[in-house]
Amino acid sequence: MTTLATILKQKGYALIGIGPDSTMREVIALLAEKRIGAVVVQSDEGKLLGILSERDVVRSLAAKGSETLDLTASQLMTPHPTTATPATTIFEAERLMTDGRFRHLPILDGEKLVGAVSIGDVAKSVLAEHQSAWQSLSDYVAGPGARPACPPARAGDGRAFRDAGGCAAQVLGGRP
Protein backbone atom coordinates (compact mmCIF):
# COMPACT_ATOMS: atom_id res chain seq x y z
CA MET A 1 0.00 0.00 0.00
CA THR A 2 1.40 3.36 -1.03
CA THR A 3 1.97 5.87 1.76
CA LEU A 4 2.60 9.60 1.85
CA ALA A 5 6.27 8.82 2.57
CA THR A 6 6.43 7.30 -0.93
CA ILE A 7 4.98 10.45 -2.48
CA LEU A 8 7.45 12.63 -0.56
CA LYS A 9 10.37 10.46 -1.74
CA GLN A 10 9.20 10.87 -5.34
CA LYS A 11 8.40 14.58 -5.32
CA GLY A 12 10.93 15.67 -2.73
CA TYR A 13 10.71 17.04 0.76
CA ALA A 14 11.06 20.70 -0.25
CA LEU A 15 8.46 22.68 1.60
CA ILE A 16 7.51 26.28 0.99
CA GLY A 17 6.64 28.01 4.20
CA ILE A 18 6.19 31.53 5.46
CA GLY A 19 6.25 33.23 8.82
CA PRO A 20 3.07 34.32 10.59
CA ASP A 21 3.92 38.01 10.12
CA SER A 22 4.31 37.76 6.33
CA THR A 23 2.01 40.18 4.56
CA MET A 24 -0.60 39.02 2.10
CA ARG A 25 1.29 40.87 -0.62
CA GLU A 26 4.30 38.63 0.13
CA VAL A 27 2.15 35.51 0.28
CA ILE A 28 0.44 36.26 -3.03
CA ALA A 29 3.78 37.00 -4.71
CA LEU A 30 5.20 33.71 -3.40
CA LEU A 31 2.19 31.67 -4.53
CA ALA A 32 2.45 33.19 -8.01
CA GLU A 33 6.24 32.87 -8.25
CA LYS A 34 6.32 29.22 -7.16
CA ARG A 35 3.08 28.35 -9.00
CA ILE A 36 1.60 26.68 -5.94
CA GLY A 37 -1.82 26.71 -4.34
CA ALA A 38 -0.92 26.93 -0.66
CA VAL A 39 1.86 27.65 1.82
CA VAL A 40 2.37 26.41 5.33
CA VAL A 41 2.67 29.02 8.06
CA GLN A 42 5.51 28.17 10.42
CA SER A 43 7.07 29.57 13.57
CA ASP A 44 10.75 30.53 13.57
CA GLU A 45 11.43 27.08 15.03
CA GLY A 46 9.65 25.40 12.09
CA LYS A 47 6.51 24.45 14.01
CA LEU A 48 3.34 24.24 11.93
CA LEU A 49 0.99 27.08 12.84
CA GLY A 50 -1.45 26.90 9.95
CA ILE A 51 -1.94 26.72 6.22
CA LEU A 52 -2.88 29.47 3.80
CA SER A 53 -4.33 28.72 0.38
CA GLU A 54 -5.39 30.60 -2.71
CA ARG A 55 -8.98 29.98 -1.67
CA ASP A 56 -8.37 31.74 1.63
CA VAL A 57 -7.02 34.76 -0.24
CA VAL A 58 -9.89 34.84 -2.75
CA ARG A 59 -12.55 34.53 -0.04
CA SER A 60 -10.97 37.37 1.91
CA LEU A 61 -10.74 39.53 -1.21
CA ALA A 62 -14.43 38.91 -1.86
CA ALA A 63 -15.35 39.82 1.72
CA LYS A 64 -12.86 42.59 2.54
CA GLY A 65 -11.59 43.81 -0.80
CA SER A 66 -8.17 45.44 -0.89
CA GLU A 67 -7.98 45.42 2.93
CA THR A 68 -6.92 41.79 2.48
CA LEU A 69 -3.54 42.97 1.20
CA ASP A 70 -2.81 44.59 4.57
CA LEU A 71 -3.48 41.41 6.58
CA THR A 72 -0.78 39.05 7.79
CA ALA A 73 -0.57 35.32 7.17
CA SER A 74 -1.57 34.58 10.76
CA GLN A 75 -4.74 36.66 10.36
CA LEU A 76 -5.90 34.76 7.27
CA MET A 77 -4.48 31.25 7.68
CA THR A 78 -6.42 28.18 8.74
CA PRO A 79 -4.95 27.46 12.18
CA HIS A 80 -4.41 23.89 13.36
CA PRO A 81 -5.02 22.28 9.95
CA THR A 82 -5.72 18.60 9.51
CA THR A 83 -2.41 16.78 9.16
CA ALA A 84 -1.17 13.32 8.26
CA THR A 85 1.96 11.30 8.92
CA PRO A 86 4.39 9.72 6.47
CA ALA A 87 2.75 6.35 7.27
CA THR A 88 -0.70 7.58 6.18
CA THR A 89 -1.88 5.65 3.12
CA ILE A 90 -2.88 7.47 -0.03
CA PHE A 91 -6.43 6.20 0.41
CA GLU A 92 -6.59 7.59 3.95
CA ALA A 93 -5.20 10.92 2.70
CA GLU A 94 -7.73 10.98 -0.13
CA ARG A 95 -10.55 10.43 2.36
CA LEU A 96 -9.27 13.15 4.73
CA MET A 97 -9.00 15.66 1.90
CA THR A 98 -12.33 14.77 0.29
CA ASP A 99 -14.28 14.75 3.54
CA GLY A 100 -12.59 17.94 4.77
CA ARG A 101 -12.94 19.65 1.35
CA PHE A 102 -9.34 20.87 1.23
CA ARG A 103 -6.60 20.36 -1.34
CA HIS A 104 -3.36 20.54 0.67
CA LEU A 105 -2.31 18.28 3.51
CA PRO A 106 0.70 19.01 5.75
CA ILE A 107 2.67 15.95 6.86
CA LEU A 108 4.08 15.72 10.37
CA ASP A 109 6.58 13.19 11.66
CA GLY A 110 5.94 13.52 15.38
CA GLU A 111 5.94 17.30 15.88
CA LYS A 112 8.24 17.96 12.91
CA LEU A 113 6.76 19.26 9.67
CA VAL A 114 8.34 17.12 6.93
CA GLY A 115 6.32 18.02 3.84
CA ALA A 116 2.95 18.53 2.27
CA VAL A 117 0.98 16.87 -0.50
CA SER A 118 -1.72 18.21 -2.77
CA ILE A 119 -4.84 16.43 -3.90
CA GLY A 120 -3.14 16.14 -7.31
CA ASP A 121 -0.20 14.28 -5.77
CA VAL A 122 -2.58 11.91 -4.02
CA ALA A 123 -4.81 11.39 -7.08
CA LYS A 124 -1.76 10.55 -9.22
CA SER A 125 -0.67 7.91 -6.69
CA VAL A 126 -4.18 6.49 -6.33
CA LEU A 127 -4.37 6.12 -10.12
CA ALA A 128 -0.99 4.37 -10.21
CA GLU A 129 -2.14 2.03 -7.42
CA HIS A 130 -5.32 1.18 -9.35
CA GLN A 131 -3.37 0.62 -12.57
CA SER A 132 -1.00 -1.70 -10.72
CA ALA A 133 -3.91 -3.67 -9.27
CA TRP A 134 -5.53 -3.89 -12.71
CA GLN A 135 -2.28 -5.17 -14.20
CA SER A 136 -1.92 -7.76 -11.43
CA LEU A 137 -5.46 -9.00 -12.04
CA SER A 138 -4.86 -9.10 -15.80
CA ASP A 139 -1.67 -11.08 -15.29
CA TYR A 140 -3.50 -13.47 -12.99
CA VAL A 141 -6.36 -14.03 -15.42
CA ALA A 142 -4.59 -13.91 -18.80
CA GLY A 143 -1.03 -14.72 -17.76
CA PRO A 144 1.96 -12.42 -17.27
CA GLY A 145 2.55 -10.07 -20.19
CA ALA A 146 -0.62 -11.09 -22.02
CA ARG A 147 -2.81 -8.31 -23.33
CA PRO A 148 -6.45 -8.63 -22.37
CA ALA A 149 -8.85 -8.98 -25.25
CA CYS A 150 -10.34 -5.75 -26.49
CA PRO A 151 -14.05 -5.30 -25.90
CA PRO A 152 -16.28 -5.53 -28.97
CA ALA A 153 -16.49 -2.30 -30.99
CA ARG A 154 -19.67 -0.30 -30.46
CA ALA A 155 -21.66 1.37 -33.18
CA GLY A 156 -20.66 4.92 -33.79
CA ASP A 157 -20.14 7.30 -36.63
CA GLY A 158 -17.07 5.46 -37.88
CA ARG A 159 -14.38 7.66 -36.36
CA ALA A 160 -12.07 5.37 -34.44
CA PHE A 161 -9.40 6.00 -31.83
CA ARG A 162 -7.22 3.87 -29.58
CA ASP A 163 -7.91 3.80 -25.88
CA ALA A 164 -5.23 3.61 -23.19
CA GLY A 165 -5.03 -0.18 -23.57
CA GLY A 166 -4.43 0.07 -27.32
CA CYS A 167 -7.89 -1.23 -28.22
CA ALA A 168 -9.67 0.33 -31.17
CA ALA A 169 -12.84 2.12 -30.17
CA GLN A 170 -15.31 4.35 -31.96
CA VAL A 171 -16.71 7.70 -31.02
CA LEU A 172 -20.38 7.30 -30.27
CA GLY A 173 -22.64 9.55 -32.33
CA GLY A 174 -21.77 13.11 -33.18
CA ARG A 175 -18.57 14.99 -32.49
CA PRO A 176 -15.90 13.67 -30.14
C-alpha atoms as a PDB file:
ATOM      1  CA  MET A   1       0.000   0.000   0.000  1.00  0.00           C
ATOM      2  CA  THR A   2       1.401   3.356  -1.026  1.00  0.00           C
ATOM      3  CA  THR A   3       1.972   5.874   1.763  1.00  0.00           C
ATOM      4  CA  LEU A   4       2.600   9.602   1.851  1.00  0.00           C
ATOM      5  CA  ALA A   5       6.274   8.824   2.568  1.00  0.00           C
ATOM      6  CA  THR A   6       6.433   7.297  -0.932  1.00  0.00           C
ATOM      7  CA  ILE A   7       4.985  10.454  -2.482  1.00  0.00           C
ATOM      8  CA  LEU A   8       7.448  12.633  -0.565  1.00  0.00           C
ATOM      9  CA  LYS A   9      10.369  10.463  -1.736  1.00  0.00           C
ATOM     10  CA  GLN A  10       9.203  10.875  -5.343  1.00  0.00           C
ATOM     11  CA  LYS A  11       8.401  14.582  -5.321  1.00  0.00           C
ATOM     12  CA  GLY A  12      10.931  15.669  -2.733  1.00  0.00           C
ATOM     13  CA  TYR A  13      10.705  17.038   0.758  1.00  0.00           C
ATOM     14  CA  ALA A  14      11.060  20.696  -0.254  1.00  0.00           C
ATOM     15  CA  LEU A  15       8.456  22.684   1.601  1.00  0.00           C
ATOM     16  CA  ILE A  16       7.509  26.284   0.989  1.00  0.00           C
ATOM     17  CA  GLY A  17       6.641  28.008   4.204  1.00  0.00           C
ATOM     18  CA  ILE A  18       6.190  31.526   5.459  1.00  0.00           C
ATOM     19  CA  GLY A  19       6.252  33.233   8.818  1.00  0.00           C
ATOM     20  CA  PRO A  20       3.073  34.320  10.589  1.00  0.00           C
ATOM     21  CA  ASP A  21       3.921  38.005  10.125  1.00  0.00           C
ATOM     22  CA  SER A  22       4.312  37.762   6.329  1.00  0.00           C
ATOM     23  CA  THR A  23       2.015  40.182   4.557  1.00  0.00           C
ATOM     24  CA  MET A  24      -0.602  39.021   2.104  1.00  0.00           C
ATOM     25  CA  ARG A  25       1.285  40.865  -0.623  1.00  0.00           C
ATOM     26  CA  GLU A  26       4.297  38.634   0.133  1.00  0.00           C
ATOM     27  CA  VAL A  27       2.150  35.513   0.282  1.00  0.00           C
ATOM     28  CA  ILE A  28       0.440  36.257  -3.034  1.00  0.00           C
ATOM     29  CA  ALA A  29       3.783  36.995  -4.705  1.00  0.00           C
ATOM     30  CA  LEU A  30       5.203  33.705  -3.400  1.00  0.00           C
ATOM     31  CA  LEU A  31       2.187  31.672  -4.534  1.00  0.00           C
ATOM     32  CA  ALA A  32       2.451  33.192  -8.005  1.00  0.00           C
ATOM     33  CA  GLU A  33       6.244  32.871  -8.251  1.00  0.00           C
ATOM     34  CA  LYS A  34       6.318  29.221  -7.160  1.00  0.00           C
ATOM     35  CA  ARG A  35       3.081  28.354  -9.005  1.00  0.00           C
ATOM     36  CA  ILE A  36       1.603  26.678  -5.939  1.00  0.00           C
ATOM     37  CA  GLY A  37      -1.824  26.713  -4.335  1.00  0.00           C
ATOM     38  CA  ALA A  38      -0.923  26.927  -0.657  1.00  0.00           C
ATOM     39  CA  VAL A  39       1.860  27.647   1.816  1.00  0.00           C
ATOM     40  CA  VAL A  40       2.367  26.410   5.335  1.00  0.00           C
ATOM     41  CA  VAL A  41       2.671  29.022   8.056  1.00  0.00           C
ATOM     42  CA  GLN A  42       5.510  28.171  10.424  1.00  0.00           C
ATOM     43  CA  SER A  43       7.075  29.565  13.567  1.00  0.00           C
ATOM     44  CA  ASP A  44      10.753  30.533  13.571  1.00  0.00           C
ATOM     45  CA  GLU A  45      11.433  27.077  15.029  1.00  0.00           C
ATOM     46  CA  GLY A  46       9.653  25.404  12.087  1.00  0.00           C
ATOM     47  CA  LYS A  47       6.506  24.445  14.010  1.00  0.00           C
ATOM     48  CA  LEU A  48       3.338  24.245  11.930  1.00  0.00           C
ATOM     49  CA  LEU A  49       0.988  27.079  12.844  1.00  0.00           C
ATOM     50  CA  GLY A  50      -1.447  26.903   9.948  1.00  0.00           C
ATOM     51  CA  ILE A  51      -1.937  26.722   6.222  1.00  0.00           C
ATOM     52  CA  LEU A  52      -2.878  29.473   3.801  1.00  0.00           C
ATOM     53  CA  SER A  53      -4.328  28.717   0.378  1.00  0.00           C
ATOM     54  CA  GLU A  54      -5.389  30.598  -2.715  1.00  0.00           C
ATOM     55  CA  ARG A  55      -8.977  29.980  -1.674  1.00  0.00           C
ATOM     56  CA  ASP A  56      -8.374  31.745   1.632  1.00  0.00           C
ATOM     57  CA  VAL A  57      -7.025  34.756  -0.242  1.00  0.00           C
ATOM     58  CA  VAL A  58      -9.892  34.844  -2.750  1.00  0.00           C
ATOM     59  CA  ARG A  59     -12.551  34.527  -0.041  1.00  0.00           C
ATOM     60  CA  SER A  60     -10.972  37.373   1.909  1.00  0.00           C
ATOM     61  CA  LEU A  61     -10.736  39.531  -1.209  1.00  0.00           C
ATOM     62  CA  ALA A  62     -14.429  38.912  -1.860  1.00  0.00           C
ATOM     63  CA  ALA A  63     -15.354  39.824   1.722  1.00  0.00           C
ATOM     64  CA  LYS A  64     -12.861  42.589   2.536  1.00  0.00           C
ATOM     65  CA  GLY A  65     -11.586  43.808  -0.803  1.00  0.00           C
ATOM     66  CA  SER A  66      -8.171  45.435  -0.893  1.00  0.00           C
ATOM     67  CA  GLU A  67      -7.985  45.422   2.926  1.00  0.00           C
ATOM     68  CA  THR A  68      -6.920  41.793   2.482  1.00  0.00           C
ATOM     69  CA  LEU A  69      -3.541  42.966   1.204  1.00  0.00           C
ATOM     70  CA  ASP A  70      -2.810  44.591   4.570  1.00  0.00           C
ATOM     71  CA  LEU A  71      -3.476  41.408   6.582  1.00  0.00           C
ATOM     72  CA  THR A  72      -0.778  39.054   7.791  1.00  0.00           C
ATOM     73  CA  ALA A  73      -0.567  35.321   7.171  1.00  0.00           C
ATOM     74  CA  SER A  74      -1.570  34.576  10.758  1.00  0.00           C
ATOM     75  CA  GLN A  75      -4.743  36.656  10.361  1.00  0.00           C
ATOM     76  CA  LEU A  76      -5.898  34.760   7.272  1.00  0.00           C
ATOM     77  CA  MET A  77      -4.481  31.247   7.684  1.00  0.00           C
ATOM     78  CA  THR A  78      -6.420  28.176   8.740  1.00  0.00           C
ATOM     79  CA  PRO A  79      -4.954  27.463  12.180  1.00  0.00           C
ATOM     80  CA  HIS A  80      -4.409  23.892  13.355  1.00  0.00           C
ATOM     81  CA  PRO A  81      -5.022  22.282   9.954  1.00  0.00           C
ATOM     82  CA  THR A  82      -5.724  18.602   9.514  1.00  0.00           C
ATOM     83  CA  THR A  83      -2.411  16.780   9.164  1.00  0.00           C
ATOM     84  CA  ALA A  84      -1.171  13.319   8.256  1.00  0.00           C
ATOM     85  CA  THR A  85       1.960  11.304   8.919  1.00  0.00           C
ATOM     86  CA  PRO A  86       4.394   9.718   6.465  1.00  0.00           C
ATOM     87  CA  ALA A  87       2.752   6.354   7.268  1.00  0.00           C
ATOM     88  CA  THR A  88      -0.700   7.578   6.179  1.00  0.00           C
ATOM     89  CA  THR A  89      -1.875   5.647   3.116  1.00  0.00           C
ATOM     90  CA  ILE A  90      -2.883   7.465  -0.032  1.00  0.00           C
ATOM     91  CA  PHE A  91      -6.427   6.199   0.410  1.00  0.00           C
ATOM     92  CA  GLU A  92      -6.590   7.587   3.954  1.00  0.00           C
ATOM     93  CA  ALA A  93      -5.201  10.919   2.697  1.00  0.00           C
ATOM     94  CA  GLU A  94      -7.727  10.976  -0.133  1.00  0.00           C
ATOM     95  CA  ARG A  95     -10.554  10.427   2.358  1.00  0.00           C
ATOM     96  CA  LEU A  96      -9.271  13.150   4.729  1.00  0.00           C
ATOM     97  CA  MET A  97      -9.002  15.664   1.897  1.00  0.00           C
ATOM     98  CA  THR A  98     -12.327  14.774   0.295  1.00  0.00           C
ATOM     99  CA  ASP A  99     -14.284  14.752   3.543  1.00  0.00           C
ATOM    100  CA  GLY A 100     -12.588  17.945   4.771  1.00  0.00           C
ATOM    101  CA  ARG A 101     -12.942  19.651   1.355  1.00  0.00           C
ATOM    102  CA  PHE A 102      -9.342  20.872   1.228  1.00  0.00           C
ATOM    103  CA  ARG A 103      -6.603  20.357  -1.339  1.00  0.00           C
ATOM    104  CA  HIS A 104      -3.359  20.538   0.667  1.00  0.00           C
ATOM    105  CA  LEU A 105      -2.307  18.278   3.507  1.00  0.00           C
ATOM    106  CA  PRO A 106       0.702  19.009   5.751  1.00  0.00           C
ATOM    107  CA  ILE A 107       2.666  15.949   6.860  1.00  0.00           C
ATOM    108  CA  LEU A 108       4.080  15.719  10.368  1.00  0.00           C
ATOM    109  CA  ASP A 109       6.576  13.187  11.663  1.00  0.00           C
ATOM    110  CA  GLY A 110       5.937  13.522  15.384  1.00  0.00           C
ATOM    111  CA  GLU A 111       5.937  17.297  15.883  1.00  0.00           C
ATOM    112  CA  LYS A 112       8.240  17.955  12.915  1.00  0.00           C
ATOM    113  CA  LEU A 113       6.761  19.261   9.667  1.00  0.00           C
ATOM    114  CA  VAL A 114       8.339  17.125   6.933  1.00  0.00           C
ATOM    115  CA  GLY A 115       6.320  18.022   3.843  1.00  0.00           C
ATOM    116  CA  ALA A 116       2.949  18.532   2.272  1.00  0.00           C
ATOM    117  CA  VAL A 117       0.977  16.872  -0.501  1.00  0.00           C
ATOM    118  CA  SER A 118      -1.719  18.208  -2.774  1.00  0.00           C
ATOM    119  CA  ILE A 119      -4.845  16.425  -3.898  1.00  0.00           C
ATOM    120  CA  GLY A 120      -3.144  16.138  -7.307  1.00  0.00           C
ATOM    121  CA  ASP A 121      -0.201  14.280  -5.767  1.00  0.00           C
ATOM    122  CA  VAL A 122      -2.582  11.906  -4.015  1.00  0.00           C
ATOM    123  CA  ALA A 123      -4.808  11.389  -7.082  1.00  0.00           C
ATOM    124  CA  LYS A 124      -1.765  10.546  -9.218  1.00  0.00           C
ATOM    125  CA  SER A 125      -0.666   7.905  -6.692  1.00  0.00           C
ATOM    126  CA  VAL A 126      -4.180   6.487  -6.332  1.00  0.00           C
ATOM    127  CA  LEU A 127      -4.372   6.124 -10.119  1.00  0.00           C
ATOM    128  CA  ALA A 128      -0.992   4.370 -10.212  1.00  0.00           C
ATOM    129  CA  GLU A 129      -2.144   2.033  -7.418  1.00  0.00           C
ATOM    130  CA  HIS A 130      -5.321   1.180  -9.350  1.00  0.00           C
ATOM    131  CA  GLN A 131      -3.367   0.615 -12.566  1.00  0.00           C
ATOM    132  CA  SER A 132      -0.998  -1.704 -10.721  1.00  0.00           C
ATOM    133  CA  ALA A 133      -3.913  -3.672  -9.267  1.00  0.00           C
ATOM    134  CA  TRP A 134      -5.533  -3.891 -12.705  1.00  0.00           C
ATOM    135  CA  GLN A 135      -2.281  -5.173 -14.199  1.00  0.00           C
ATOM    136  CA  SER A 136      -1.917  -7.762 -11.427  1.00  0.00           C
ATOM    137  CA  LEU A 137      -5.456  -9.003 -12.037  1.00  0.00           C
ATOM    138  CA  SER A 138      -4.864  -9.098 -15.803  1.00  0.00           C
ATOM    139  CA  ASP A 139      -1.671 -11.079 -15.293  1.00  0.00           C
ATOM    140  CA  TYR A 140      -3.496 -13.473 -12.986  1.00  0.00           C
ATOM    141  CA  VAL A 141      -6.365 -14.034 -15.424  1.00  0.00           C
ATOM    142  CA  ALA A 142      -4.588 -13.915 -18.796  1.00  0.00           C
ATOM    143  CA  GLY A 143      -1.029 -14.724 -17.762  1.00  0.00           C
ATOM    144  CA  PRO A 144       1.955 -12.417 -17.267  1.00  0.00           C
ATOM    145  CA  GLY A 145       2.554 -10.070 -20.186  1.00  0.00           C
ATOM    146  CA  ALA A 146      -0.618 -11.089 -22.018  1.00  0.00           C
ATOM    147  CA  ARG A 147      -2.809  -8.315 -23.325  1.00  0.00           C
ATOM    148  CA  PRO A 148      -6.446  -8.630 -22.372  1.00  0.00           C
ATOM    149  CA  ALA A 149      -8.853  -8.980 -25.246  1.00  0.00           C
ATOM    150  CA  CYS A 150     -10.342  -5.749 -26.489  1.00  0.00           C
ATOM    151  CA  PRO A 151     -14.053  -5.296 -25.904  1.00  0.00           C
ATOM    152  CA  PRO A 152     -16.282  -5.525 -28.972  1.00  0.00           C
ATOM    153  CA  ALA A 153     -16.492  -2.302 -30.987  1.00  0.00           C
ATOM    154  CA  ARG A 154     -19.668  -0.297 -30.460  1.00  0.00           C
ATOM    155  CA  ALA A 155     -21.657   1.367 -33.179  1.00  0.00           C
ATOM    156  CA  GLY A 156     -20.658   4.923 -33.792  1.00  0.00           C
ATOM    157  CA  ASP A 157     -20.144   7.304 -36.627  1.00  0.00           C
ATOM    158  CA  GLY A 158     -17.072   5.463 -37.883  1.00  0.00           C
ATOM    159  CA  ARG A 159     -14.384   7.664 -36.356  1.00  0.00           C
ATOM    160  CA  ALA A 160     -12.075   5.375 -34.441  1.00  0.00           C
ATOM    161  CA  PHE A 161      -9.399   6.001 -31.825  1.00  0.00           C
ATOM    162  CA  ARG A 162      -7.222   3.868 -29.578  1.00  0.00           C
ATOM    163  CA  ASP A 163      -7.915   3.798 -25.878  1.00  0.00           C
ATOM    164  CA  ALA A 164      -5.231   3.613 -23.185  1.00  0.00           C
ATOM    165  CA  GLY A 165      -5.025  -0.176 -23.565  1.00  0.00           C
ATOM    166  CA  GLY A 166      -4.430   0.070 -27.319  1.00  0.00           C
ATOM    167  CA  CYS A 167      -7.892  -1.228 -28.218  1.00  0.00           C
ATOM    168  CA  ALA A 168      -9.672   0.327 -31.172  1.00  0.00           C
ATOM    169  CA  ALA A 169     -12.841   2.122 -30.174  1.00  0.00           C
ATOM    170  CA  GLN A 170     -15.307   4.347 -31.956  1.00  0.00           C
ATOM    171  CA  VAL A 171     -16.714   7.698 -31.017  1.00  0.00           C
ATOM    172  CA  LEU A 172     -20.377   7.302 -30.267  1.00  0.00           C
ATOM    173  CA  GLY A 173     -22.636   9.552 -32.333  1.00  0.00           C
ATOM    174  CA  GLY A 174     -21.772  13.110 -33.177  1.00  0.00           C
ATOM    175  CA  ARG A 175     -18.574  14.987 -32.490  1.00  0.00           C
ATOM    176  CA  PRO A 176     -15.902  13.669 -30.136  1.00  0.00           C
END
